[in-house]
Amino acid sequence: MTYNLMRVCEEISKRQDPELIHPSDKKYNKVLEKRQRRALKNGCFVNPLLFLERIARISSYTIRAVQNAIITGKLLAELIWALKTQLVPG
């Protein structure tokens, strides 16, 4: 249940500004593009399913932010805002 609540908080923060993505998603996309170039160079291809929506992992920042929000009694809106500030342009 806690995992699902953290996912909801993270997803809400991403939905508020769809142009922003999580830094780990940006890193994943860069690695995937590099892998695609290497595969094309060797005459192969990368599984197209990898380019679809990624199975989300909860970042350590999100876990710490939720823990701190519970301990300090922070409002949900403040938690979502804190998570949103960690997103970067896609």
Protein backbone atom coordinates (compact mmCIF):
# COMPACT_ATOMS: atom_id res chain seq x y z
CA MET A 1 0.00 0.00 0.00
CA THR A 2 2.84 2.37 0.82
CA TYR A 3 4.48 1.66 -2.52
CA ASN A 4 1.26 2.49 -4.36
CA LEU A 5 0.82 5.72 -2.41
CA MET A 6 4.37 6.79 -3.27
CA ARG A 7 3.75 5.98 -6.93
CA VAL A 8 0.57 8.07 -6.89
CA CYS A 9 2.44 11.05 -5.39
CA GLU A 10 5.20 10.76 -7.96
CA GLU A 11 2.78 10.38 -10.89
CA ILE A 12 0.66 13.35 -9.77
CA SER A 13 3.76 15.52 -9.62
CA LYS A 14 4.68 14.45 -13.18
CA ARG A 15 1.16 15.04 -14.53
CA GLN A 16 1.06 18.64 -13.32
CA ASP A 17 3.65 19.62 -15.93
CA PRO A 18 3.96 16.97 -18.68
CA GLU A 19 6.99 18.72 -20.21
CA LEU A 20 9.07 17.77 -17.18
CA ILE A 21 10.44 14.30 -16.51
CA HIS A 22 12.30 12.64 -13.70
CA PRO A 23 16.12 12.75 -13.99
CA SER A 24 16.29 8.94 -13.91
CA ASP A 25 13.93 8.80 -16.92
CA LYS A 26 16.19 11.22 -18.78
CA LYS A 27 19.22 9.04 -18.01
CA TYR A 28 17.34 5.90 -19.10
CA ASN A 29 16.37 7.50 -22.42
CA LYS A 30 19.98 8.54 -23.11
CA VAL A 31 21.22 5.00 -22.46
CA LEU A 32 18.45 3.57 -24.63
CA GLU A 33 19.33 5.91 -27.52
CA LYS A 34 23.00 4.93 -27.23
CA ARG A 35 22.01 1.27 -27.25
CA GLN A 36 19.84 1.84 -30.34
CA ARG A 37 22.71 3.50 -32.25
CA ARG A 38 25.05 0.65 -31.35
CA ALA A 39 22.48 -1.95 -32.42
CA LEU A 40 21.84 -0.23 -35.75
CA LYS A 41 25.59 -0.06 -36.35
CA ASN A 42 25.77 -3.85 -35.90
CA GLY A 43 22.70 -4.46 -38.07
CA CYS A 44 20.47 -5.35 -35.14
CA PHE A 45 17.65 -3.62 -33.33
CA VAL A 46 16.54 -2.92 -29.79
CA ASN A 47 13.26 -4.39 -28.65
CA PRO A 48 10.61 -1.73 -29.47
CA LEU A 49 8.80 -2.41 -26.20
CA LEU A 50 11.65 -0.70 -24.37
CA PHE A 51 10.69 2.60 -26.03
CA LEU A 52 7.15 2.51 -24.63
CA GLU A 53 6.20 3.62 -21.15
CA ARG A 54 8.88 2.55 -18.75
CA ILE A 55 8.03 0.54 -15.68
CA ALA A 56 8.41 3.22 -13.09
CA ARG A 57 10.75 2.88 -10.21
CA ILE A 58 10.32 5.01 -7.17
CA SER A 59 13.29 7.29 -6.76
CA SER A 60 15.13 7.47 -3.46
CA TYR A 61 14.25 11.17 -3.32
CA THR A 62 10.54 10.30 -3.44
CA ILE A 63 10.94 7.72 -0.68
CA ARG A 64 12.81 10.19 1.55
CA ALA A 65 10.30 12.97 0.79
CA VAL A 66 7.35 10.75 1.75
CA GLN A 67 9.11 9.62 4.92
CA ASN A 68 9.84 13.22 5.91
CA ALA A 69 6.27 14.28 5.08
CA ILE A 70 4.89 11.59 7.38
CA ILE A 71 7.29 12.45 10.19
CA THR A 72 6.73 16.22 9.98
CA GLY A 73 3.02 16.08 9.14
CA LYS A 74 3.51 17.90 5.85
CA LEU A 75 0.42 18.44 3.72
CA LEU A 76 -0.03 16.31 0.60
CA ALA A 77 0.01 19.41 -1.62
CA GLU A 78 3.39 20.41 -0.19
CA LEU A 79 4.73 16.91 -0.81
CA ILE A 80 3.55 16.96 -4.44
CA TRP A 81 5.11 20.39 -4.93
CA ALA A 82 8.43 19.18 -3.47
CA LEU A 83 8.43 16.22 -5.84
CA LYS A 84 7.59 18.44 -8.80
CA THR A 85 10.59 20.68 -8.11
CA GLN A 86 12.88 17.70 -8.72
CA LEU A 87 11.67 17.18 -12.31
CA VAL A 88 13.77 18.39 -15.26
CA PRO A 89 12.91 19.41 -18.83
CA GLY A 90 12.50 16.44 -21.15
